Amino acid sequence: MSAPLTHIIVWEGIEIEVTHTPLYCAEPPFDHIELRVKGKLRLPMTETGYRSHFLPAREVMSYGDAAGYVRAWLDHEAQSASWRVYVESSRQLSLF
């Protein structure tokens, strides 16, 4: 296991801590990414503000680094119908 690398990114005004552990598991070779959001705000891929994600080793590098990978992942997931409904409903005031 390699030493974890931590990045702070801001996406849509939300501050996200991204921790990437290259070669978290050697056999089969997987990297690990953890997302943590201050205030436990919702993201397109987590309702709790936390996400643990394993992915094939070195896939992150095709995006430059973990921050680039997570930004692309967020942008992709933000296109989902459920996220668009959430964003729209968050903008409207509700009495209930």
C-alpha atoms as a PDB file:
ATOM      1  CA  MET A   1       0.000   0.000   0.000  1.00  0.00           C
ATOM      2  CA  SER A   2       1.273   3.455  -0.913  1.00  0.00           C
ATOM      3  CA  ALA A   3       0.962   6.498   1.331  1.00  0.00           C
ATOM      4  CA  PRO A   4      -2.412   8.264   1.030  1.00  0.00           C
ATOM      5  CA  LEU A   5      -2.527  11.564  -0.864  1.00  0.00           C
ATOM      6  CA  THR A   6      -5.087  14.170   0.197  1.00  0.00           C
ATOM      7  CA  HIS A   7      -6.597  16.933  -1.931  1.00  0.00           C
ATOM      8  CA  ILE A   8      -9.227  19.551  -1.123  1.00  0.00           C
ATOM      9  CA  ILE A   9     -11.492  20.458  -4.028  1.00  0.00           C
ATOM     10  CA  VAL A  10     -14.508  22.724  -4.321  1.00  0.00           C
ATOM     11  CA  TRP A  11     -17.329  21.496  -6.542  1.00  0.00           C
ATOM     12  CA  GLU A  12     -20.523  23.528  -6.951  1.00  0.00           C
ATOM     13  CA  GLY A  13     -19.567  25.472  -3.816  1.00  0.00           C
ATOM     14  CA  ILE A  14     -19.083  22.287  -1.758  1.00  0.00           C
ATOM     15  CA  GLU A  15     -15.681  21.673  -0.158  1.00  0.00           C
ATOM     16  CA  ILE A  16     -14.645  18.023  -0.512  1.00  0.00           C
ATOM     17  CA  GLU A  17     -11.669  16.252   1.009  1.00  0.00           C
ATOM     18  CA  VAL A  18     -10.394  13.597  -1.411  1.00  0.00           C
ATOM     19  CA  THR A  19      -8.027  10.943  -0.040  1.00  0.00           C
ATOM     20  CA  HIS A  20      -6.418   8.664  -2.620  1.00  0.00           C
ATOM     21  CA  THR A  21      -4.455   5.576  -1.644  1.00  0.00           C
ATOM     22  CA  PRO A  22      -2.641   4.181  -4.704  1.00  0.00           C
ATOM     23  CA  LEU A  23      -2.294   0.393  -4.732  1.00  0.00           C
ATOM     24  CA  TYR A  24      -4.438   0.005  -1.618  1.00  0.00           C
ATOM     25  CA  CYS A  25      -4.623  -3.672  -2.527  1.00  0.00           C
ATOM     26  CA  ALA A  26      -1.873  -5.338  -4.543  1.00  0.00           C
ATOM     27  CA  GLU A  27      -3.724  -8.496  -5.614  1.00  0.00           C
ATOM     28  CA  PRO A  28      -5.835  -7.705  -7.502  1.00  0.00           C
ATOM     29  CA  PRO A  29      -4.381  -4.212  -7.944  1.00  0.00           C
ATOM     30  CA  PHE A  30      -6.857  -1.605  -6.688  1.00  0.00           C
ATOM     31  CA  ASP A  31      -6.647   2.031  -5.642  1.00  0.00           C
ATOM     32  CA  HIS A  32      -8.917   3.512  -2.982  1.00  0.00           C
ATOM     33  CA  ILE A  33     -10.597   6.914  -2.867  1.00  0.00           C
ATOM     34  CA  GLU A  34     -12.462   8.408   0.080  1.00  0.00           C
ATOM     35  CA  LEU A  35     -14.645  11.499  -0.162  1.00  0.00           C
ATOM     36  CA  ARG A  36     -15.555  13.548   2.905  1.00  0.00           C
ATOM     37  CA  VAL A  37     -17.737  16.642   2.826  1.00  0.00           C
ATOM     38  CA  LYS A  38     -17.796  19.145   5.664  1.00  0.00           C
ATOM     39  CA  GLY A  39     -21.293  19.401   7.071  1.00  0.00           C
ATOM     40  CA  LYS A  40     -22.178  16.040   5.524  1.00  0.00           C
ATOM     41  CA  LEU A  41     -23.701  17.726   2.487  1.00  0.00           C
ATOM     42  CA  ARG A  42     -25.093  15.502  -0.219  1.00  0.00           C
ATOM     43  CA  LEU A  43     -23.189  14.773  -3.423  1.00  0.00           C
ATOM     44  CA  PRO A  44     -24.465  13.053  -6.572  1.00  0.00           C
ATOM     45  CA  MET A  45     -22.899   9.757  -5.441  1.00  0.00           C
ATOM     46  CA  THR A  46     -23.574   9.948  -1.693  1.00  0.00           C
ATOM     47  CA  GLU A  47     -26.399  11.247   0.448  1.00  0.00           C
ATOM     48  CA  THR A  48     -24.271  11.260   3.607  1.00  0.00           C
ATOM     49  CA  GLY A  49     -21.253  13.288   2.520  1.00  0.00           C
ATOM     50  CA  TYR A  50     -18.968  10.251   2.750  1.00  0.00           C
ATOM     51  CA  ARG A  51     -18.002   7.737   0.076  1.00  0.00           C
ATOM     52  CA  SER A  52     -15.430   4.958  -0.034  1.00  0.00           C
ATOM     53  CA  HIS A  53     -14.644   3.798  -3.555  1.00  0.00           C
ATOM     54  CA  PHE A  54     -12.294   1.114  -4.897  1.00  0.00           C
ATOM     55  CA  LEU A  55     -11.205   1.232  -8.524  1.00  0.00           C
ATOM     56  CA  PRO A  56      -8.667  -0.466 -10.785  1.00  0.00           C
ATOM     57  CA  ALA A  57      -5.114   0.624 -10.050  1.00  0.00           C
ATOM     58  CA  ARG A  58      -3.814   3.558 -12.072  1.00  0.00           C
ATOM     59  CA  GLU A  59      -7.244   4.538 -13.468  1.00  0.00           C
ATOM     60  CA  VAL A  60      -6.925   7.777 -11.506  1.00  0.00           C
ATOM     61  CA  MET A  61      -3.784   8.702 -13.447  1.00  0.00           C
ATOM     62  CA  SER A  62      -5.732   8.978 -16.693  1.00  0.00           C
ATOM     63  CA  TYR A  63      -7.339  12.077 -15.076  1.00  0.00           C
ATOM     64  CA  GLY A  64      -4.038  13.515 -13.839  1.00  0.00           C
ATOM     65  CA  ASP A  65      -4.677  12.909 -10.147  1.00  0.00           C
ATOM     66  CA  ALA A  66      -7.431  12.002  -7.698  1.00  0.00           C
ATOM     67  CA  ALA A  67      -8.832  15.536  -7.736  1.00  0.00           C
ATOM     68  CA  GLY A  68      -9.289  15.365 -11.528  1.00  0.00           C
ATOM     69  CA  TYR A  69     -10.828  11.903 -11.285  1.00  0.00           C
ATOM     70  CA  VAL A  70     -13.327  13.011  -8.616  1.00  0.00           C
ATOM     71  CA  ARG A  71     -14.276  16.176 -10.532  1.00  0.00           C
ATOM     72  CA  ALA A  72     -15.021  14.083 -13.643  1.00  0.00           C
ATOM     73  CA  TRP A  73     -16.971  11.581 -11.529  1.00  0.00           C
ATOM     74  CA  LEU A  74     -19.019  14.377  -9.912  1.00  0.00           C
ATOM     75  CA  ASP A  75     -19.758  16.030 -13.256  1.00  0.00           C
ATOM     76  CA  HIS A  76     -20.866  12.698 -14.724  1.00  0.00           C
ATOM     77  CA  GLU A  77     -23.102  11.761 -11.776  1.00  0.00           C
ATOM     78  CA  ALA A  78     -24.598  15.277 -11.676  1.00  0.00           C
ATOM     79  CA  GLN A  79     -26.222  14.553 -15.045  1.00  0.00           C
ATOM     80  CA  SER A  80     -28.515  11.927 -13.456  1.00  0.00           C
ATOM     81  CA  ALA A  81     -32.235  12.627 -13.240  1.00  0.00           C
ATOM     82  CA  SER A  82     -32.263  12.029  -9.479  1.00  0.00           C
ATOM     83  CA  TRP A  83     -29.542  14.636  -8.881  1.00  0.00           C
ATOM     84  CA  ARG A  84     -31.302  17.194 -11.090  1.00  0.00           C
ATOM     85  CA  VAL A  85     -34.541  16.624  -9.133  1.00  0.00           C
ATOM     86  CA  TYR A  86     -32.640  17.028  -5.854  1.00  0.00           C
ATOM     87  CA  VAL A  87     -30.990  20.283  -6.978  1.00  0.00           C
ATOM     88  CA  GLU A  88     -34.291  21.714  -8.231  1.00  0.00           C
ATOM     89  CA  SER A  89     -36.170  20.773  -5.057  1.00  0.00           C
ATOM     90  CA  SER A  90     -33.370  22.270  -2.948  1.00  0.00           C
ATOM     91  CA  ARG A  91     -33.895  25.635  -4.647  1.00  0.00           C
ATOM     92  CA  GLN A  92     -37.606  25.771  -3.858  1.00  0.00           C
ATOM     93  CA  LEU A  93     -38.978  26.646  -0.464  1.00  0.00           C
ATOM     94  CA  SER A  94     -41.183  24.026   1.150  1.00  0.00           C
ATOM     95  CA  LEU A  95     -43.680  24.369   3.953  1.00  0.00           C
ATOM     96  CA  PHE A  96     -43.396  20.673   4.798  1.00  0.00           C
END
